[in-house]
C-alpha cells in the first residue's frame, strides 16, 4: 500500500517541481535588463533556454518573454509538441507541431528547435512532405528555416526562408547535432535519397544566418549512407551540447 501511495504522489510532485523551475526561470528573465526587440516592445527579455529532461527544452519561442515548453520524443522531430507559457509560470495544453503547421492527411512533419543563430531567440526548422511510397524521394511541400519569434497560431516567422532540405531527399527525421564544435546548433537529416539509399545529410549553422545549405565537403566529412534496413546512425540528444539543465 505504501509503495502504491508513493507512486501516486510522484506525478504531482514532479509537475509541481517543473512549475517551480519555470517560475524561477521567468523570475530570472524579469530581473535581467531587456534588450533588443524585447526592450523596444516593452516585454521582458526571456532567460536562456534550458533542459527539463533529455527531450524537453524550455525557452521563449513566441517572443513574449515567457518560457515555453518544447517536447521532442525520441529526438526525431516527428512528434514534437509545444506548450505555451502562461503568466502564472505554468504551461498551457499541448499542441502538435504538425497541426500548428497545417500538415495534411498522409504528410510527415519533421521539425527541429534551437537557437541556431545564438542570438537568444529560439528558432524552428520545419519540413512537411508526403512520402512517395516508392524508391524515388518526394519533394517537400514546406521546407523552411523560421527564425524566432514565431506566431502561436501557425508558427509563422517574419524572416522565414526556404530550406534545401526539402529538395535534397525525402526527410524522415531532423535532429539537432554538434558538428562545428561551436555555439551554433547544427542539423542531421535522415533522408531517403533514392535508389535504395538512406543518408545522414548535414547542415551546419553559421553566425547570424542559421543552418546553411548542403555542402559537399561537409557532407563527405560528417555524412553517412545506409539502407532502409540498416539506416545510418543519427545523433542523440543534440540539445545537451548547447543547453544546461534548468536550475
C-alpha atoms as a PDB file:
ATOM      1  CA  UNK A   1       0.000   0.000   0.000  1.00  0.00           C
ATOM      2  CA  UNK A   2       2.854   2.386   0.883  1.00  0.00           C
ATOM      3  CA  UNK A   3       4.565   1.682  -2.454  1.00  0.00           C
ATOM      4  CA  UNK A   4       1.375   2.385  -4.375  1.00  0.00           C
ATOM      5  CA  UNK A   5       0.794   5.605  -2.488  1.00  0.00           C
ATOM      6  CA  UNK A   6       4.354   6.747  -3.292  1.00  0.00           C
ATOM      7  CA  UNK A   7       3.746   6.183  -6.981  1.00  0.00           C
ATOM      8  CA  UNK A   8       0.542   8.194  -6.881  1.00  0.00           C
ATOM      9  CA  UNK A   9       2.335  11.102  -5.221  1.00  0.00           C
ATOM     10  CA  UNK A  10       5.292  11.074  -7.667  1.00  0.00           C
ATOM     11  CA  UNK A  11       3.487  12.579 -10.682  1.00  0.00           C
ATOM     12  CA  UNK A  12       2.032  15.683  -8.977  1.00  0.00           C
ATOM     13  CA  UNK A  13       5.311  16.305  -7.150  1.00  0.00           C
ATOM     14  CA  UNK A  14       7.260  16.168 -10.445  1.00  0.00           C
ATOM     15  CA  UNK A  15       4.731  18.518 -12.087  1.00  0.00           C
ATOM     16  CA  UNK A  16       4.996  20.965  -9.185  1.00  0.00           C
ATOM     17  CA  UNK A  17       8.786  20.871  -9.375  1.00  0.00           C
ATOM     18  CA  UNK A  18       8.727  21.753 -13.071  1.00  0.00           C
ATOM     19  CA  UNK A  19       6.306  24.622 -12.419  1.00  0.00           C
ATOM     20  CA  UNK A  20       8.649  25.989  -9.736  1.00  0.00           C
ATOM     21  CA  UNK A  21      11.558  25.641 -12.139  1.00  0.00           C
ATOM     22  CA  UNK A  22       9.719  27.626 -14.796  1.00  0.00           C
ATOM     23  CA  UNK A  23       8.671  30.259 -12.262  1.00  0.00           C
ATOM     24  CA  UNK A  24      12.337  30.673 -11.317  1.00  0.00           C
ATOM     25  CA  UNK A  25      13.233  30.738 -14.992  1.00  0.00           C
ATOM     26  CA  UNK A  26      10.763  33.589 -15.534  1.00  0.00           C
ATOM     27  CA  UNK A  27      11.917  35.426 -12.422  1.00  0.00           C
ATOM     28  CA  UNK A  28      15.472  35.372 -13.718  1.00  0.00           C
ATOM     29  CA  UNK A  29      14.254  36.806 -17.000  1.00  0.00           C
ATOM     30  CA  UNK A  30      12.325  39.557 -15.244  1.00  0.00           C
ATOM     31  CA  UNK A  31      15.386  40.561 -13.221  1.00  0.00           C
ATOM     32  CA  UNK A  32      17.568  40.760 -16.302  1.00  0.00           C
ATOM     33  CA  UNK A  33      17.536  44.030 -18.293  1.00  0.00           C
ATOM     34  CA  UNK A  34      15.577  43.812 -21.525  1.00  0.00           C
ATOM     35  CA  UNK A  35      17.492  44.136 -24.768  1.00  0.00           C
ATOM     36  CA  UNK A  36      16.906  44.357 -28.493  1.00  0.00           C
ATOM     37  CA  UNK A  37      13.359  43.736 -29.662  1.00  0.00           C
ATOM     38  CA  UNK A  38      12.182  42.931 -26.159  1.00  0.00           C
ATOM     39  CA  UNK A  39      13.226  46.366 -24.933  1.00  0.00           C
ATOM     40  CA  UNK A  40      11.577  48.154 -27.842  1.00  0.00           C
ATOM     41  CA  UNK A  41       8.302  46.258 -27.398  1.00  0.00           C
ATOM     42  CA  UNK A  42       8.257  46.726 -23.630  1.00  0.00           C
ATOM     43  CA  UNK A  43       8.376  42.964 -22.992  1.00  0.00           C
ATOM     44  CA  UNK A  44      10.735  41.309 -20.552  1.00  0.00           C
ATOM     45  CA  UNK A  45      13.743  39.537 -22.007  1.00  0.00           C
ATOM     46  CA  UNK A  46      13.452  35.771 -21.721  1.00  0.00           C
ATOM     47  CA  UNK A  47      16.024  33.767 -19.787  1.00  0.00           C
ATOM     48  CA  UNK A  48      18.360  31.455 -21.667  1.00  0.00           C
ATOM     49  CA  UNK A  49      16.864  28.141 -22.876  1.00  0.00           C
ATOM     50  CA  UNK A  50      17.414  25.160 -20.597  1.00  0.00           C
ATOM     51  CA  UNK A  51      16.623  21.448 -20.445  1.00  0.00           C
ATOM     52  CA  UNK A  52      13.872  19.971 -18.264  1.00  0.00           C
ATOM     53  CA  UNK A  53      14.854  16.443 -19.270  1.00  0.00           C
ATOM     54  CA  UNK A  54      16.630  14.957 -22.271  1.00  0.00           C
ATOM     55  CA  UNK A  55      13.695  15.527 -24.643  1.00  0.00           C
ATOM     56  CA  UNK A  56      12.238  18.760 -23.229  1.00  0.00           C
ATOM     57  CA  UNK A  57      13.537  22.242 -24.000  1.00  0.00           C
ATOM     58  CA  UNK A  58      12.315  25.254 -22.017  1.00  0.00           C
ATOM     59  CA  UNK A  59      12.680  28.602 -23.774  1.00  0.00           C
ATOM     60  CA  UNK A  60      10.860  31.529 -25.353  1.00  0.00           C
ATOM     61  CA  UNK A  61       9.601  30.635 -28.807  1.00  0.00           C
ATOM     62  CA  UNK A  62       6.986  33.345 -29.399  1.00  0.00           C
ATOM     63  CA  UNK A  63       8.898  36.339 -28.054  1.00  0.00           C
ATOM     64  CA  UNK A  64       6.576  37.240 -25.181  1.00  0.00           C
ATOM     65  CA  UNK A  65       9.291  36.877 -22.539  1.00  0.00           C
ATOM     66  CA  UNK A  66       7.714  33.746 -21.048  1.00  0.00           C
ATOM     67  CA  UNK A  67       9.379  30.345 -21.395  1.00  0.00           C
ATOM     68  CA  UNK A  68       7.544  27.769 -23.495  1.00  0.00           C
ATOM     69  CA  UNK A  69       7.853  24.001 -23.326  1.00  0.00           C
ATOM     70  CA  UNK A  70       9.032  22.094 -26.398  1.00  0.00           C
ATOM     71  CA  UNK A  71       8.894  18.301 -26.231  1.00  0.00           C
ATOM     72  CA  UNK A  72      10.644  16.122 -28.795  1.00  0.00           C
ATOM     73  CA  UNK A  73      10.118  12.398 -28.015  1.00  0.00           C
ATOM     74  CA  UNK A  74      12.923  10.260 -29.395  1.00  0.00           C
ATOM     75  CA  UNK A  75      14.746  13.354 -30.720  1.00  0.00           C
ATOM     76  CA  UNK A  76      13.419  12.563 -34.217  1.00  0.00           C
ATOM     77  CA  UNK A  77      11.409  15.752 -34.755  1.00  0.00           C
ATOM     78  CA  UNK A  78       8.365  13.797 -35.935  1.00  0.00           C
ATOM     79  CA  UNK A  79       6.301  14.012 -32.731  1.00  0.00           C
ATOM     80  CA  UNK A  80       7.238  17.448 -31.460  1.00  0.00           C
ATOM     81  CA  UNK A  81       4.751  19.358 -29.294  1.00  0.00           C
ATOM     82  CA  UNK A  82       4.650  22.868 -27.858  1.00  0.00           C
ATOM     83  CA  UNK A  83       3.063  24.164 -24.666  1.00  0.00           C
ATOM     84  CA  UNK A  84       2.921  27.935 -24.494  1.00  0.00           C
ATOM     85  CA  UNK A  85       3.984  29.616 -21.273  1.00  0.00           C
ATOM     86  CA  UNK A  86       1.410  31.420 -19.149  1.00  0.00           C
ATOM     87  CA  UNK A  87       1.563  34.449 -16.863  1.00  0.00           C
ATOM     88  CA  UNK A  88       1.326  32.166 -13.827  1.00  0.00           C
ATOM     89  CA  UNK A  89       4.552  30.385 -14.737  1.00  0.00           C
ATOM     90  CA  UNK A  90       2.867  27.177 -15.866  1.00  0.00           C
ATOM     91  CA  UNK A  91       2.233  25.816 -19.361  1.00  0.00           C
ATOM     92  CA  UNK A  92      -0.891  25.549 -21.465  1.00  0.00           C
ATOM     93  CA  UNK A  93      -2.175  22.482 -23.284  1.00  0.00           C
ATOM     94  CA  UNK A  94      -0.056  20.525 -25.737  1.00  0.00           C
ATOM     95  CA  UNK A  95      -0.130  21.483 -29.415  1.00  0.00           C
ATOM     96  CA  UNK A  96       1.288  19.132 -32.020  1.00  0.00           C
ATOM     97  CA  UNK A  97       3.704  20.996 -34.274  1.00  0.00           C
ATOM     98  CA  UNK A  98       2.294  19.131 -37.281  1.00  0.00           C
ATOM     99  CA  UNK A  99      -1.169  20.526 -36.548  1.00  0.00           C
ATOM    100  CA  UNK A 100       0.074  24.070 -35.957  1.00  0.00           C
ATOM    101  CA  UNK A 101       1.877  23.907 -39.299  1.00  0.00           C
ATOM    102  CA  UNK A 102      -1.257  22.718 -41.102  1.00  0.00           C
ATOM    103  CA  UNK A 103       0.027  19.312 -42.208  1.00  0.00           C
ATOM    104  CA  UNK A 104      -2.381  17.466 -44.469  1.00  0.00           C
ATOM    105  CA  UNK A 105      -3.516  13.872 -44.346  1.00  0.00           C
ATOM    106  CA  UNK A 106      -0.699  11.478 -45.261  1.00  0.00           C
ATOM    107  CA  UNK A 107       2.043  14.069 -44.817  1.00  0.00           C
ATOM    108  CA  UNK A 108       5.004  13.637 -42.475  1.00  0.00           C
ATOM    109  CA  UNK A 109       6.150  16.639 -40.443  1.00  0.00           C
ATOM    110  CA  UNK A 110       9.673  16.878 -39.072  1.00  0.00           C
ATOM    111  CA  UNK A 111      10.956  19.802 -37.030  1.00  0.00           C
ATOM    112  CA  UNK A 112      13.966  20.923 -35.015  1.00  0.00           C
ATOM    113  CA  UNK A 113      14.005  23.705 -32.420  1.00  0.00           C
ATOM    114  CA  UNK A 114      17.104  25.543 -31.177  1.00  0.00           C
ATOM    115  CA  UNK A 115      18.756  28.950 -31.065  1.00  0.00           C
ATOM    116  CA  UNK A 116      20.518  28.387 -34.371  1.00  0.00           C
ATOM    117  CA  UNK A 117      21.888  31.935 -34.615  1.00  0.00           C
ATOM    118  CA  UNK A 118      22.901  32.056 -30.938  1.00  0.00           C
ATOM    119  CA  UNK A 119      21.117  35.384 -30.550  1.00  0.00           C
ATOM    120  CA  UNK A 120      18.951  34.422 -27.565  1.00  0.00           C
ATOM    121  CA  UNK A 121      15.821  33.594 -29.582  1.00  0.00           C
ATOM    122  CA  UNK A 122      14.628  30.063 -30.288  1.00  0.00           C
ATOM    123  CA  UNK A 123      14.078  29.192 -33.949  1.00  0.00           C
ATOM    124  CA  UNK A 124      12.454  26.335 -35.834  1.00  0.00           C
ATOM    125  CA  UNK A 125      13.349  24.267 -38.894  1.00  0.00           C
ATOM    126  CA  UNK A 126      10.293  22.589 -40.429  1.00  0.00           C
ATOM    127  CA  UNK A 127       9.749  20.102 -43.254  1.00  0.00           C
ATOM    128  CA  UNK A 128       6.427  18.734 -44.479  1.00  0.00           C
ATOM    129  CA  UNK A 129       6.380  16.028 -47.138  1.00  0.00           C
ATOM    130  CA  UNK A 130       4.010  13.342 -48.356  1.00  0.00           C
ATOM    131  CA  UNK A 131       6.111  10.179 -48.722  1.00  0.00           C
ATOM    132  CA  UNK A 132       6.273   8.901 -52.271  1.00  0.00           C
ATOM    133  CA  UNK A 133       5.673   5.317 -51.214  1.00  0.00           C
ATOM    134  CA  UNK A 134       8.282   4.199 -53.730  1.00  0.00           C
ATOM    135  CA  UNK A 135      12.045   4.336 -54.001  1.00  0.00           C
ATOM    136  CA  UNK A 136      12.177   7.822 -55.526  1.00  0.00           C
ATOM    137  CA  UNK A 137      12.070  10.586 -52.879  1.00  0.00           C
ATOM    138  CA  UNK A 138       9.221  13.091 -52.839  1.00  0.00           C
ATOM    139  CA  UNK A 139       9.779  16.850 -52.735  1.00  0.00           C
ATOM    140  CA  UNK A 140       8.601  18.610 -49.582  1.00  0.00           C
ATOM    141  CA  UNK A 141       5.555  20.872 -49.767  1.00  0.00           C
ATOM    142  CA  UNK A 142       7.015  23.042 -46.996  1.00  0.00           C
ATOM    143  CA  UNK A 143      10.676  23.247 -46.010  1.00  0.00           C
ATOM    144  CA  UNK A 144      11.798  26.346 -44.108  1.00  0.00           C
ATOM    145  CA  UNK A 145      14.084  27.818 -41.533  1.00  0.00           C
ATOM    146  CA  UNK A 146      11.933  30.033 -39.301  1.00  0.00           C
ATOM    147  CA  UNK A 147      13.875  32.391 -37.030  1.00  0.00           C
ATOM    148  CA  UNK A 148      12.061  33.358 -33.848  1.00  0.00           C
ATOM    149  CA  UNK A 149       9.903  34.856 -32.568  1.00  0.00           C
ATOM    150  CA  UNK A 150       7.142  32.673 -34.006  1.00  0.00           C
ATOM    151  CA  UNK A 151       3.383  33.192 -34.063  1.00  0.00           C
ATOM    152  CA  UNK A 152       1.447  30.917 -31.747  1.00  0.00           C
ATOM    153  CA  UNK A 153      -1.333  30.230 -34.243  1.00  0.00           C
ATOM    154  CA  UNK A 154       0.753  28.716 -37.054  1.00  0.00           C
ATOM    155  CA  UNK A 155       4.450  29.048 -36.074  1.00  0.00           C
ATOM    156  CA  UNK A 156       4.958  31.632 -38.812  1.00  0.00           C
ATOM    157  CA  UNK A 157       8.093  33.769 -38.826  1.00  0.00           C
ATOM    158  CA  UNK A 158       8.529  37.221 -40.319  1.00  0.00           C
ATOM    159  CA  UNK A 159      12.002  36.170 -41.507  1.00  0.00           C
ATOM    160  CA  UNK A 160      11.271  32.644 -42.770  1.00  0.00           C
ATOM    161  CA  UNK A 161      13.389  31.388 -45.642  1.00  0.00           C
ATOM    162  CA  UNK A 162      13.275  28.304 -47.813  1.00  0.00           C
ATOM    163  CA  UNK A 163      15.478  25.364 -46.857  1.00  0.00           C
ATOM    164  CA  UNK A 164      17.052  22.996 -49.367  1.00  0.00           C
ATOM    165  CA  UNK A 165      16.303  20.059 -47.034  1.00  0.00           C
ATOM    166  CA  UNK A 166      13.020  19.617 -48.890  1.00  0.00           C
ATOM    167  CA  UNK A 167      14.652  19.213 -52.296  1.00  0.00           C
ATOM    168  CA  UNK A 168      17.730  17.142 -51.398  1.00  0.00           C
ATOM    169  CA  UNK A 169      15.808  13.991 -50.460  1.00  0.00           C
ATOM    170  CA  UNK A 170      12.734  12.896 -48.550  1.00  0.00           C
ATOM    171  CA  UNK A 171      13.309  13.806 -44.905  1.00  0.00           C
ATOM    172  CA  UNK A 172      12.399  11.119 -42.372  1.00  0.00           C
ATOM    173  CA  UNK A 173      13.918  12.813 -39.305  1.00  0.00           C
ATOM    174  CA  UNK A 174      15.580  16.114 -38.421  1.00  0.00           C
ATOM    175  CA  UNK A 175      17.835  16.134 -35.371  1.00  0.00           C
ATOM    176  CA  UNK A 176      19.977  18.674 -33.564  1.00  0.00           C
ATOM    177  CA  UNK A 177      23.680  17.902 -33.899  1.00  0.00           C
ATOM    178  CA  UNK A 178      27.046  19.367 -32.955  1.00  0.00           C
ATOM    179  CA  UNK A 179      29.408  19.078 -35.888  1.00  0.00           C
ATOM    180  CA  UNK A 180      31.060  22.500 -35.820  1.00  0.00           C
ATOM    181  CA  UNK A 181      32.087  22.259 -32.167  1.00  0.00           C
ATOM    182  CA  UNK A 182      30.885  25.828 -31.587  1.00  0.00           C
ATOM    183  CA  UNK A 183      27.863  27.573 -30.034  1.00  0.00           C
ATOM    184  CA  UNK A 184      25.701  27.173 -33.145  1.00  0.00           C
ATOM    185  CA  UNK A 185      23.449  24.083 -33.278  1.00  0.00           C
ATOM    186  CA  UNK A 186      23.692  22.047 -36.500  1.00  0.00           C
ATOM    187  CA  UNK A 187      21.281  19.657 -38.202  1.00  0.00           C
ATOM    188  CA  UNK A 188      21.387  15.979 -39.111  1.00  0.00           C
ATOM    189  CA  UNK A 189      18.682  14.890 -41.549  1.00  0.00           C
ATOM    190  CA  UNK A 190      17.742  11.265 -42.155  1.00  0.00           C
ATOM    191  CA  UNK A 191      16.927  11.243 -45.854  1.00  0.00           C
ATOM    192  CA  UNK A 192      15.532   8.857 -48.393  1.00  0.00           C
ATOM    193  CA  UNK A 193      17.987   9.756 -51.138  1.00  0.00           C
ATOM    194  CA  UNK A 194      16.558   7.313 -53.694  1.00  0.00           C
ATOM    195  CA  UNK A 195      17.917   4.164 -55.328  1.00  0.00           C
ATOM    196  CA  UNK A 196      17.646   2.290 -52.039  1.00  0.00           C
ATOM    197  CA  UNK A 197      19.904   4.728 -50.196  1.00  0.00           C
ATOM    198  CA  UNK A 198      19.140   6.389 -46.888  1.00  0.00           C
ATOM    199  CA  UNK A 199      21.646   9.005 -45.848  1.00  0.00           C
ATOM    200  CA  UNK A 200      22.556  11.223 -42.943  1.00  0.00           C
ATOM    201  CA  UNK A 201      22.634  14.637 -44.538  1.00  0.00           C
ATOM    202  CA  UNK A 202      24.103  17.552 -42.566  1.00  0.00           C
ATOM    203  CA  UNK A 203      23.551  21.298 -42.408  1.00  0.00           C
ATOM    204  CA  UNK A 204      25.969  23.357 -40.325  1.00  0.00           C
ATOM    205  CA  UNK A 205      24.871  26.652 -38.809  1.00  0.00           C
ATOM    206  CA  UNK A 206      26.709  29.913 -39.278  1.00  0.00           C
ATOM    207  CA  UNK A 207      26.815  33.038 -37.100  1.00  0.00           C
ATOM    208  CA  UNK A 208      23.891  35.325 -37.859  1.00  0.00           C
ATOM    209  CA  UNK A 209      22.388  33.150 -40.588  1.00  0.00           C
ATOM    210  CA  UNK A 210      21.344  29.833 -39.039  1.00  0.00           C
ATOM    211  CA  UNK A 211      21.503  26.454 -40.822  1.00  0.00           C
ATOM    212  CA  UNK A 212      23.331  26.601 -44.118  1.00  0.00           C
ATOM    213  CA  UNK A 213      22.762  24.806 -47.402  1.00  0.00           C
ATOM    214  CA  UNK A 214      24.018  21.409 -48.500  1.00  0.00           C
ATOM    215  CA  UNK A 215      27.792  21.433 -48.735  1.00  0.00           C
ATOM    216  CA  UNK A 216      29.596  18.572 -50.466  1.00  0.00           C
ATOM    217  CA  UNK A 217      32.781  18.813 -48.405  1.00  0.00           C
ATOM    218  CA  UNK A 218      30.859  18.915 -45.117  1.00  0.00           C
ATOM    219  CA  UNK A 219      28.731  16.004 -46.266  1.00  0.00           C
ATOM    220  CA  UNK A 220      31.832  13.965 -47.010  1.00  0.00           C
ATOM    221  CA  UNK A 221      33.165  14.771 -43.548  1.00  0.00           C
ATOM    222  CA  UNK A 222      30.048  14.308 -41.410  1.00  0.00           C
ATOM    223  CA  UNK A 223      27.504  12.489 -43.567  1.00  0.00           C
ATOM    224  CA  UNK A 224      26.907   8.783 -43.869  1.00  0.00           C
ATOM    225  CA  UNK A 225      24.950   6.406 -46.102  1.00  0.00           C
ATOM    226  CA  UNK A 226      22.893   3.320 -45.351  1.00  0.00           C
ATOM    227  CA  UNK A 227      19.751   1.498 -46.399  1.00  0.00           C
ATOM    228  CA  UNK A 228      16.170   1.346 -45.084  1.00  0.00           C
ATOM    229  CA  UNK A 229      17.103  -1.937 -43.384  1.00  0.00           C
ATOM    230  CA  UNK A 230      20.330  -0.518 -41.944  1.00  0.00           C
ATOM    231  CA  UNK A 231      19.967   3.272 -41.791  1.00  0.00           C
ATOM    232  CA  UNK A 232      22.937   5.461 -40.889  1.00  0.00           C
ATOM    233  CA  UNK A 233      23.411   6.303 -37.222  1.00  0.00           C
ATOM    234  CA  UNK A 234      21.926   9.590 -36.050  1.00  0.00           C
ATOM    235  CA  UNK A 235      22.981  11.906 -33.208  1.00  0.00           C
ATOM    236  CA  UNK A 236      21.083  11.516 -29.938  1.00  0.00           C
ATOM    237  CA  UNK A 237      20.199  14.283 -27.511  1.00  0.00           C
ATOM    238  CA  UNK A 238      21.791  17.062 -29.519  1.00  0.00           C
ATOM    239  CA  UNK A 239      20.336  19.697 -27.183  1.00  0.00           C
ATOM    240  CA  UNK A 240      22.684  18.676 -24.366  1.00  0.00           C
ATOM    241  CA  UNK A 241      25.647  20.143 -26.260  1.00  0.00           C
ATOM    242  CA  UNK A 242      24.122  23.620 -26.175  1.00  0.00           C
ATOM    243  CA  UNK A 243      21.814  23.861 -23.161  1.00  0.00           C
ATOM    244  CA  UNK A 244      22.208  23.161 -19.456  1.00  0.00           C
ATOM    245  CA  UNK A 245      19.592  21.586 -17.178  1.00  0.00           C
ATOM    246  CA  UNK A 246      17.063  24.061 -15.788  1.00  0.00           C
ATOM    247  CA  UNK A 247      18.038  25.225 -12.293  1.00  0.00           C
END
